[in-house]
Amino acid sequence: LTIIQRSRIKTEASNVGSLMLSHAVPASRVLGRMEYYGTRVDQKYIDVLDTGLREIVEVTERELYLMAGTKDAKGDDINLNNPRTLGNILYSSGWSLLDGTRVDPYDVKEYTKKQQPSTSEKVLRTFVEYQDKDKTIPTPKAFFVERLLKWRKASKALNTFLANIRALSKRDGFLHTQFHLNGTG
């Protein structure tokens, strides 16, 4: 190697060393303490959240089944977690409002890679319109989709996030996360 090449390698190595000493090592120490000691979790508040989320899930699920029915055209049970079933409701059969008014299905806006009508949140959000400027009262046609989105979010929060926090903090009341700062880099 030439003197210039060796000098450049030495400079780059010292910059990396400087970065490690000024940022990575101190951050790793802090994150290590966070992993070891954990973050206190308010177990009583988890119970409050659990109760509130369960109520939202139960109420919205009941409303969704009242609007869509419990059986599809073939007589099979409707599963709100099944994209194909939801696609049939949203884009083929339609649904009824809680007062019994029939709502026509939407036109398909987007398809999945498997050429199924999309029921993703991104697509469903395009169907939600509100009657008021505060966006609290959905239009009658958007009521089913608005409830479906609310049900999905509450279900995910309850069955994924809250359940994991409860399980991971059960031993000592602390959430011991794992950070891999240098590994991530």
Protein backbone atom coordinates (compact mmCIF):
# COMPACT_ATOMS: atom_id res chain seq x y z
CA LEU A 1 0.00 0.00 0.00
CA THR A 2 1.15 3.53 -0.68
CA ILE A 3 1.63 6.05 2.11
CA ILE A 4 -1.52 7.89 0.99
CA GLN A 5 -3.61 4.69 1.06
CA ARG A 6 -2.30 3.77 4.55
CA SER A 7 -3.02 7.29 5.76
CA ARG A 8 -6.61 7.14 4.44
CA ILE A 9 -7.24 3.74 6.11
CA LYS A 10 -5.81 5.05 9.40
CA THR A 11 -8.05 8.16 9.23
CA GLU A 12 -11.18 6.12 8.43
CA ALA A 13 -10.40 3.69 11.28
CA SER A 14 -9.95 6.55 13.77
CA ASN A 15 -13.28 8.09 12.66
CA VAL A 16 -15.05 4.77 13.25
CA GLY A 17 -13.33 4.40 16.62
CA SER A 18 -14.36 7.91 17.55
CA LEU A 19 -17.95 7.19 16.55
CA MET A 20 -17.96 3.97 18.58
CA LEU A 21 -16.62 5.78 21.68
CA SER A 22 -18.90 8.81 21.38
CA HIS A 23 -22.17 7.11 20.34
CA ALA A 24 -22.36 3.33 20.15
CA VAL A 25 -20.71 2.42 23.47
CA PRO A 26 -22.67 4.95 25.62
CA ALA A 27 -25.93 4.03 23.88
CA SER A 28 -25.21 0.33 24.37
CA ARG A 29 -24.65 0.91 28.10
CA VAL A 30 -27.98 2.73 28.44
CA LEU A 31 -29.84 0.12 26.41
CA GLY A 32 -28.17 -2.65 28.40
CA ARG A 33 -29.44 -1.13 31.65
CA MET A 34 -32.92 -0.82 30.11
CA GLU A 35 -32.82 -4.51 29.16
CA TYR A 36 -31.59 -5.62 32.57
CA TYR A 37 -33.76 -3.44 34.79
CA GLY A 38 -36.73 -3.19 32.43
CA THR A 39 -39.56 -0.70 32.22
CA ARG A 40 -42.23 -0.86 34.89
CA VAL A 41 -45.65 -1.89 33.59
CA ASP A 42 -48.78 -0.77 35.42
CA GLN A 43 -50.56 -4.13 35.74
CA LYS A 44 -53.79 -2.53 37.01
CA TYR A 45 -53.93 -0.26 33.96
CA ILE A 46 -53.44 -3.29 31.70
CA ASP A 47 -56.64 -4.67 33.23
CA VAL A 48 -58.44 -1.37 32.54
CA LEU A 49 -57.23 -1.40 28.93
CA ASP A 50 -58.21 -5.05 28.57
CA THR A 51 -61.75 -4.34 29.75
CA GLY A 52 -62.14 -1.31 27.46
CA LEU A 53 -60.72 -3.03 24.39
CA ARG A 54 -62.82 -6.17 24.97
CA GLU A 55 -65.94 -4.03 25.11
CA ILE A 56 -65.05 -2.29 21.84
CA VAL A 57 -64.29 -5.63 20.16
CA GLU A 58 -67.53 -7.25 21.37
CA VAL A 59 -69.78 -4.30 20.52
CA THR A 60 -68.32 -3.68 17.05
CA GLU A 61 -68.21 -7.40 16.25
CA ARG A 62 -71.89 -7.73 17.21
CA GLU A 63 -72.74 -4.73 14.99
CA LEU A 64 -70.75 -6.14 12.07
CA TYR A 65 -72.53 -9.51 12.26
CA LEU A 66 -75.90 -7.76 12.52
CA MET A 67 -75.11 -5.86 9.32
CA ALA A 68 -73.43 -8.67 7.34
CA GLY A 69 -75.26 -11.65 8.80
CA THR A 70 -73.64 -14.74 10.23
CA LYS A 71 -73.85 -16.90 7.08
CA ASP A 72 -72.72 -16.19 3.53
CA ALA A 73 -74.66 -17.02 0.34
CA LYS A 74 -73.40 -20.62 0.45
CA GLY A 75 -74.54 -21.05 4.06
CA ASP A 76 -71.00 -21.00 5.50
CA ASP A 77 -70.23 -19.05 8.66
CA ILE A 78 -68.92 -15.54 8.06
CA ASN A 79 -65.40 -14.98 9.38
CA LEU A 80 -64.54 -11.29 9.73
CA ASN A 81 -60.83 -12.14 9.65
CA ASN A 82 -61.10 -13.80 6.24
CA PRO A 83 -60.25 -11.38 3.39
CA ARG A 84 -62.20 -13.45 0.84
CA THR A 85 -65.35 -13.36 2.98
CA LEU A 86 -64.97 -9.62 3.55
CA GLY A 87 -64.37 -9.11 -0.16
CA ASN A 88 -67.66 -10.88 -0.90
CA ILE A 89 -69.52 -8.68 1.58
CA LEU A 90 -67.89 -5.40 0.52
CA TYR A 91 -67.80 -5.95 -3.24
CA SER A 92 -70.54 -8.50 -4.06
CA SER A 93 -73.40 -9.01 -1.63
CA GLY A 94 -73.48 -5.76 0.33
CA TRP A 95 -74.88 -5.47 3.86
CA SER A 96 -77.73 -3.96 5.85
CA LEU A 97 -77.49 -1.06 8.25
CA LEU A 98 -78.62 -1.61 11.84
CA ASP A 99 -82.02 -0.13 10.95
CA GLY A 100 -82.43 -2.71 8.16
CA THR A 101 -81.66 -0.41 5.22
CA ARG A 102 -79.86 -2.35 2.48
CA VAL A 103 -76.48 -0.97 1.31
CA ASP A 104 -75.11 -1.76 -2.14
CA PRO A 105 -71.57 -3.10 -2.37
CA TYR A 106 -68.61 -0.93 -3.32
CA ASP A 107 -66.79 -1.05 -6.63
CA VAL A 108 -63.42 -2.78 -6.32
CA LYS A 109 -60.62 -0.20 -6.21
CA GLU A 110 -57.61 -2.45 -5.90
CA TYR A 111 -56.67 -6.12 -6.21
CA THR A 112 -54.14 -8.22 -4.31
CA LYS A 113 -51.27 -10.06 -6.00
CA LYS A 114 -53.56 -13.11 -6.19
CA GLN A 115 -56.18 -11.01 -8.01
CA GLN A 116 -58.58 -10.94 -5.04
CA PRO A 117 -60.36 -7.68 -4.18
CA SER A 118 -58.26 -5.93 -1.53
CA THR A 119 -59.60 -5.51 1.99
CA SER A 120 -56.47 -3.79 3.29
CA GLU A 121 -56.79 -0.86 5.67
CA LYS A 122 -55.38 1.48 3.02
CA VAL A 123 -58.16 0.56 0.58
CA LEU A 124 -60.93 0.46 3.19
CA ARG A 125 -60.00 3.95 4.44
CA THR A 126 -60.87 5.33 1.00
CA PHE A 127 -64.50 4.21 1.53
CA VAL A 128 -64.94 5.98 4.88
CA GLU A 129 -66.72 9.31 4.62
CA TYR A 130 -68.16 11.34 7.47
CA GLN A 131 -71.29 13.42 7.87
CA ASP A 132 -69.63 15.99 10.14
CA LYS A 133 -66.42 17.99 9.91
CA ASP A 134 -65.13 16.52 13.21
CA LYS A 135 -65.16 13.09 11.54
CA THR A 136 -67.09 11.33 14.28
CA ILE A 137 -70.26 10.30 12.42
CA PRO A 138 -69.70 8.10 9.37
CA THR A 139 -72.12 8.27 6.45
CA PRO A 140 -74.61 5.39 6.37
CA LYS A 141 -72.76 3.66 3.51
CA ALA A 142 -69.42 4.00 5.36
CA PHE A 143 -70.75 2.76 8.72
CA PHE A 144 -69.89 -0.91 8.10
CA VAL A 145 -66.32 -0.16 6.95
CA GLU A 146 -65.75 2.34 9.77
CA ARG A 147 -66.85 -0.30 12.30
CA LEU A 148 -64.71 -2.94 10.60
CA LEU A 149 -61.60 -0.75 10.86
CA LYS A 150 -62.37 0.03 14.50
CA TRP A 151 -62.87 -3.69 15.25
CA ARG A 152 -59.58 -4.61 13.55
CA LYS A 153 -57.59 -2.02 15.50
CA ALA A 154 -59.11 -2.92 18.84
CA SER A 155 -58.65 -6.65 18.18
CA LYS A 156 -55.00 -6.17 17.27
CA ALA A 157 -54.34 -3.98 20.30
CA LEU A 158 -56.04 -6.50 22.59
CA ASN A 159 -54.80 -9.78 21.16
CA THR A 160 -51.32 -8.77 20.06
CA PHE A 161 -49.92 -5.76 21.89
CA LEU A 162 -51.70 -5.94 25.23
CA ALA A 163 -51.44 -9.72 25.44
CA ASN A 164 -47.68 -9.58 24.78
CA ILE A 165 -47.07 -6.79 27.28
CA ARG A 166 -49.02 -8.71 29.91
CA ALA A 167 -47.16 -11.97 29.22
CA LEU A 168 -43.71 -10.36 29.05
CA SER A 169 -44.17 -8.34 32.26
CA LYS A 170 -45.92 -11.02 34.29
CA ARG A 171 -42.80 -12.35 36.05
CA ASP A 172 -41.65 -9.19 37.84
CA GLY A 173 -43.93 -6.36 36.62
CA PHE A 174 -41.26 -5.02 34.27
CA LEU A 175 -40.98 -5.24 30.50
CA HIS A 176 -37.46 -6.39 29.63
CA THR A 177 -36.98 -5.47 26.00
CA GLN A 178 -34.03 -6.52 23.87
CA PHE A 179 -32.08 -3.91 21.98
CA HIS A 180 -29.38 -4.88 19.52
CA LEU A 181 -27.94 -1.48 18.63
CA ASN A 182 -24.72 -2.63 17.00
CA GLY A 183 -26.36 -5.70 15.49
CA THR A 184 -29.03 -3.50 13.93
CA GLY A 185 -26.38 -1.17 12.55
